[in-house]
């Protein structure tokens, strides 16, 4: 779609198309390092969220275990 659009723009006005397409390589070179940095930060954040999720799941699981051990005396008395 992009290639067809550029071809049609070249047919309509080749000099205006060159003005529009010329900054694209420079923009790509500027955007790629930013994208890599965002990807790295995103991966680190997902790892930290995963660690926090497993920690909280373990805590809630241990709460159930403690509650069952706490009620163990009452189950033997009855």
N, C-alpha and C. Protein backbone atom coordinates (compact mmCIF):
# COMPACT_ATOMS: atom_id res chain seq x y z
N UNK A 1 0.82 -1.18 0.00
CA UNK A 1 0.00 0.00 0.00
C UNK A 1 0.87 1.26 0.00
N UNK A 2 1.93 1.23 0.84
CA UNK A 2 2.84 2.38 0.89
C UNK A 2 3.53 2.59 -0.46
N UNK A 3 3.97 1.50 -1.06
CA UNK A 3 4.69 1.60 -2.34
C UNK A 3 3.76 2.13 -3.44
N UNK A 4 2.54 1.63 -3.46
CA UNK A 4 1.58 2.12 -4.45
C UNK A 4 1.30 3.61 -4.24
N UNK A 5 1.16 4.02 -2.98
CA UNK A 5 0.93 5.44 -2.68
C UNK A 5 2.09 6.31 -3.16
N UNK A 6 3.31 5.85 -2.93
CA UNK A 6 4.48 6.62 -3.36
C UNK A 6 4.54 6.71 -4.88
N UNK A 7 4.20 5.62 -5.56
CA UNK A 7 4.20 5.64 -7.03
C UNK A 7 3.17 6.64 -7.55
N UNK A 8 1.98 6.62 -6.96
CA UNK A 8 0.95 7.57 -7.39
C UNK A 8 1.38 9.00 -7.10
N UNK A 9 2.01 9.21 -5.95
CA UNK A 9 2.48 10.56 -5.63
C UNK A 9 3.58 11.00 -6.60
N UNK A 10 4.45 10.07 -7.00
CA UNK A 10 5.48 10.41 -7.99
C UNK A 10 4.83 10.82 -9.32
N UNK A 11 3.78 10.13 -9.69
CA UNK A 11 3.09 10.47 -10.93
C UNK A 11 2.46 11.86 -10.83
N UNK A 12 1.88 12.16 -9.68
CA UNK A 12 1.21 13.45 -9.52
C UNK A 12 2.22 14.59 -9.41
N UNK A 13 3.20 14.44 -8.47
CA UNK A 13 4.19 15.50 -8.27
C UNK A 13 5.48 14.87 -7.73
N UNK A 14 6.46 14.68 -8.61
CA UNK A 14 7.67 13.98 -8.19
C UNK A 14 8.53 14.81 -7.25
N UNK A 15 8.57 16.13 -7.42
CA UNK A 15 9.42 16.95 -6.54
C UNK A 15 8.85 17.03 -5.12
N UNK A 16 7.53 17.14 -5.00
CA UNK A 16 6.91 17.16 -3.68
C UNK A 16 7.05 15.79 -2.98
N UNK A 17 6.99 14.73 -3.77
CA UNK A 17 7.18 13.39 -3.22
C UNK A 17 8.59 13.21 -2.68
N UNK A 18 9.59 13.71 -3.39
CA UNK A 18 10.97 13.62 -2.90
C UNK A 18 11.16 14.40 -1.61
N UNK A 19 10.51 15.54 -1.51
CA UNK A 19 10.60 16.34 -0.27
C UNK A 19 9.97 15.57 0.89
N UNK A 20 8.89 14.86 0.61
CA UNK A 20 8.21 14.12 1.66
C UNK A 20 8.95 12.84 2.05
N UNK A 21 9.54 12.14 1.09
CA UNK A 21 10.17 10.84 1.34
C UNK A 21 11.62 10.99 1.83
N UNK A 22 12.26 12.08 1.56
CA UNK A 22 13.67 12.26 1.91
C UNK A 22 13.95 12.13 3.41
N UNK A 23 13.13 12.67 4.31
CA UNK A 23 13.45 12.55 5.75
C UNK A 23 13.17 11.17 6.35
N UNK A 24 12.54 10.27 5.62
CA UNK A 24 12.20 8.96 6.18
C UNK A 24 13.40 8.16 6.67
N UNK A 25 14.50 8.05 5.92
CA UNK A 25 15.65 7.28 6.45
C UNK A 25 16.21 7.89 7.74
N UNK A 26 16.24 9.21 7.82
CA UNK A 26 16.75 9.86 9.03
C UNK A 26 15.83 9.57 10.21
N UNK A 27 14.51 9.63 9.98
CA UNK A 27 13.55 9.33 11.05
C UNK A 27 13.66 7.88 11.51
N UNK A 28 13.85 6.98 10.57
CA UNK A 28 14.00 5.56 10.93
C UNK A 28 15.25 5.36 11.79
N UNK A 29 16.34 6.01 11.42
CA UNK A 29 17.58 5.88 12.20
C UNK A 29 17.43 6.47 13.60
N UNK A 30 16.59 7.49 13.75
CA UNK A 30 16.36 8.07 15.07
C UNK A 30 15.38 7.24 15.90
N UNK A 31 14.42 6.62 15.27
CA UNK A 31 13.38 5.90 15.99
C UNK A 31 13.82 4.50 16.42
N UNK A 32 14.66 3.82 15.66
CA UNK A 32 15.06 2.45 16.00
C UNK A 32 15.72 2.32 17.37
N UNK A 33 16.67 3.18 17.75
CA UNK A 33 17.24 3.05 19.09
C UNK A 33 16.21 3.28 20.19
N UNK A 34 15.28 4.20 19.95
CA UNK A 34 14.22 4.45 20.95
C UNK A 34 13.34 3.21 21.10
N UNK A 35 13.00 2.57 19.99
CA UNK A 35 12.19 1.36 20.04
C UNK A 35 12.88 0.24 20.79
N UNK A 36 14.19 0.10 20.57
CA UNK A 36 14.94 -0.94 21.29
C UNK A 36 14.97 -0.65 22.79
N UNK A 37 15.12 0.61 23.16
CA UNK A 37 15.15 0.98 24.58
C UNK A 37 13.80 0.71 25.23
N UNK A 38 12.72 1.07 24.53
CA UNK A 38 11.37 0.83 25.07
C UNK A 38 11.12 -0.67 25.22
N UNK A 39 11.58 -1.46 24.25
CA UNK A 39 11.41 -2.92 24.33
C UNK A 39 12.15 -3.48 25.54
N UNK A 40 13.37 -2.99 25.80
CA UNK A 40 14.15 -3.45 26.94
C UNK A 40 13.46 -3.09 28.25
N UNK A 41 13.00 -1.85 28.36
CA UNK A 41 12.32 -1.41 29.58
C UNK A 41 11.04 -2.21 29.79
N UNK A 42 10.31 -2.47 28.72
CA UNK A 42 9.06 -3.23 28.81
C UNK A 42 9.32 -4.64 29.30
N UNK A 43 10.37 -5.28 28.79
CA UNK A 43 10.69 -6.64 29.23
C UNK A 43 11.08 -6.66 30.70
N UNK A 44 11.88 -5.69 31.15
CA UNK A 44 12.25 -5.63 32.56
C UNK A 44 11.03 -5.43 33.44
N UNK A 45 10.12 -4.57 33.00
CA UNK A 45 8.91 -4.31 33.78
C UNK A 45 8.04 -5.56 33.87
N UNK A 46 7.90 -6.29 32.77
CA UNK A 46 7.11 -7.51 32.79
C UNK A 46 7.73 -8.56 33.71
N UNK A 47 9.06 -8.63 33.73
CA UNK A 47 9.73 -9.57 34.64
C UNK A 47 9.46 -9.20 36.09
N UNK A 48 9.51 -7.91 36.42
CA UNK A 48 9.25 -7.47 37.80
C UNK A 48 7.80 -7.73 38.19
N UNK A 49 6.88 -7.50 37.28
CA UNK A 49 5.46 -7.77 37.57
C UNK A 49 5.25 -9.26 37.78
N UNK A 50 5.92 -10.08 37.00
CA UNK A 50 5.82 -11.53 37.16
C UNK A 50 6.34 -11.97 38.52
N UNK A 51 7.47 -11.40 38.94
CA UNK A 51 8.01 -11.72 40.26
C UNK A 51 7.05 -11.31 41.37
N UNK A 52 6.48 -10.12 41.26
CA UNK A 52 5.53 -9.63 42.27
C UNK A 52 4.28 -10.51 42.30
N UNK A 53 3.83 -10.95 41.15
CA UNK A 53 2.64 -11.79 41.07
C UNK A 53 2.90 -13.14 41.74
N UNK A 54 4.05 -13.75 41.47
CA UNK A 54 4.35 -15.04 42.09
C UNK A 54 4.53 -14.90 43.60
N UNK A 55 5.11 -13.79 44.03
CA UNK A 55 5.28 -13.55 45.46
C UNK A 55 3.92 -13.40 46.15
N UNK A 56 3.02 -12.62 45.55
CA UNK A 56 1.71 -12.42 46.17
C UNK A 56 0.90 -13.72 46.15
N UNK A 57 1.02 -14.51 45.10
CA UNK A 57 0.31 -15.79 45.05
C UNK A 57 0.82 -16.72 46.15
N UNK A 58 2.12 -16.71 46.39
CA UNK A 58 2.68 -17.53 47.45
C UNK A 58 2.19 -17.06 48.82
N UNK A 59 2.09 -15.75 49.01
CA UNK A 59 1.60 -15.21 50.28
C UNK A 59 0.15 -15.64 50.54
N UNK A 60 -0.71 -15.50 49.53
CA UNK A 60 -2.11 -15.89 49.71
C UNK A 60 -2.24 -17.39 49.94
N UNK A 61 -1.40 -18.18 49.30
CA UNK A 61 -1.42 -19.61 49.52
C UNK A 61 -1.01 -19.94 50.95
N UNK A 62 0.00 -19.23 51.45
CA UNK A 62 0.45 -19.47 52.83
C UNK A 62 -0.59 -19.02 53.83
N UNK A 63 -1.39 -18.01 53.51
CA UNK A 63 -2.45 -17.57 54.43
C UNK A 63 -3.46 -18.70 54.61
N UNK A 64 -3.83 -19.37 53.52
CA UNK A 64 -4.76 -20.49 53.61
C UNK A 64 -4.17 -21.62 54.46
N UNK A 65 -2.88 -21.87 54.30
CA UNK A 65 -2.23 -22.93 55.08
C UNK A 65 -2.22 -22.56 56.57
N UNK A 66 -1.90 -21.32 56.88
CA UNK A 66 -1.90 -20.88 58.28
C UNK A 66 -3.29 -20.95 58.90
N UNK A 67 -4.31 -20.60 58.13
CA UNK A 67 -5.67 -20.67 58.65
C UNK A 67 -6.05 -22.12 58.94
N UNK A 68 -5.66 -23.04 58.10
CA UNK A 68 -6.00 -24.44 58.34
C UNK A 68 -5.24 -24.98 59.56
N UNK A 69 -3.97 -24.60 59.74
CA UNK A 69 -3.23 -25.03 60.92
C UNK A 69 -3.79 -24.37 62.17
N UNK A 70 -4.25 -23.15 62.07
CA UNK A 70 -4.83 -22.45 63.22
C UNK A 70 -6.12 -23.08 63.68
N UNK A 71 -6.90 -23.64 62.77
CA UNK A 71 -8.18 -24.27 63.11
C UNK A 71 -8.03 -25.75 63.42
N UNK A 72 -6.81 -26.27 63.38
CA UNK A 72 -6.58 -27.68 63.63
C UNK A 72 -6.98 -28.07 65.05
N UNK A 73 -6.71 -27.22 66.03
CA UNK A 73 -7.05 -27.51 67.43
C UNK A 73 -8.56 -27.64 67.58
N UNK A 74 -9.30 -26.74 66.93
CA UNK A 74 -10.76 -26.77 67.07
C UNK A 74 -11.37 -28.00 66.41
N UNK A 75 -10.77 -28.51 65.37
CA UNK A 75 -11.32 -29.69 64.71
C UNK A 75 -11.11 -30.95 65.55
N UNK A 76 -10.03 -31.00 66.38
CA UNK A 76 -9.80 -32.17 67.24
C UNK A 76 -10.68 -32.12 68.49
N UNK A 77 -11.02 -30.94 68.95
CA UNK A 77 -11.82 -30.80 70.16
C UNK A 77 -13.25 -31.22 69.88
N UNK A 78 -13.76 -30.90 68.73
CA UNK A 78 -15.17 -31.22 68.41
C UNK A 78 -15.26 -32.65 68.07
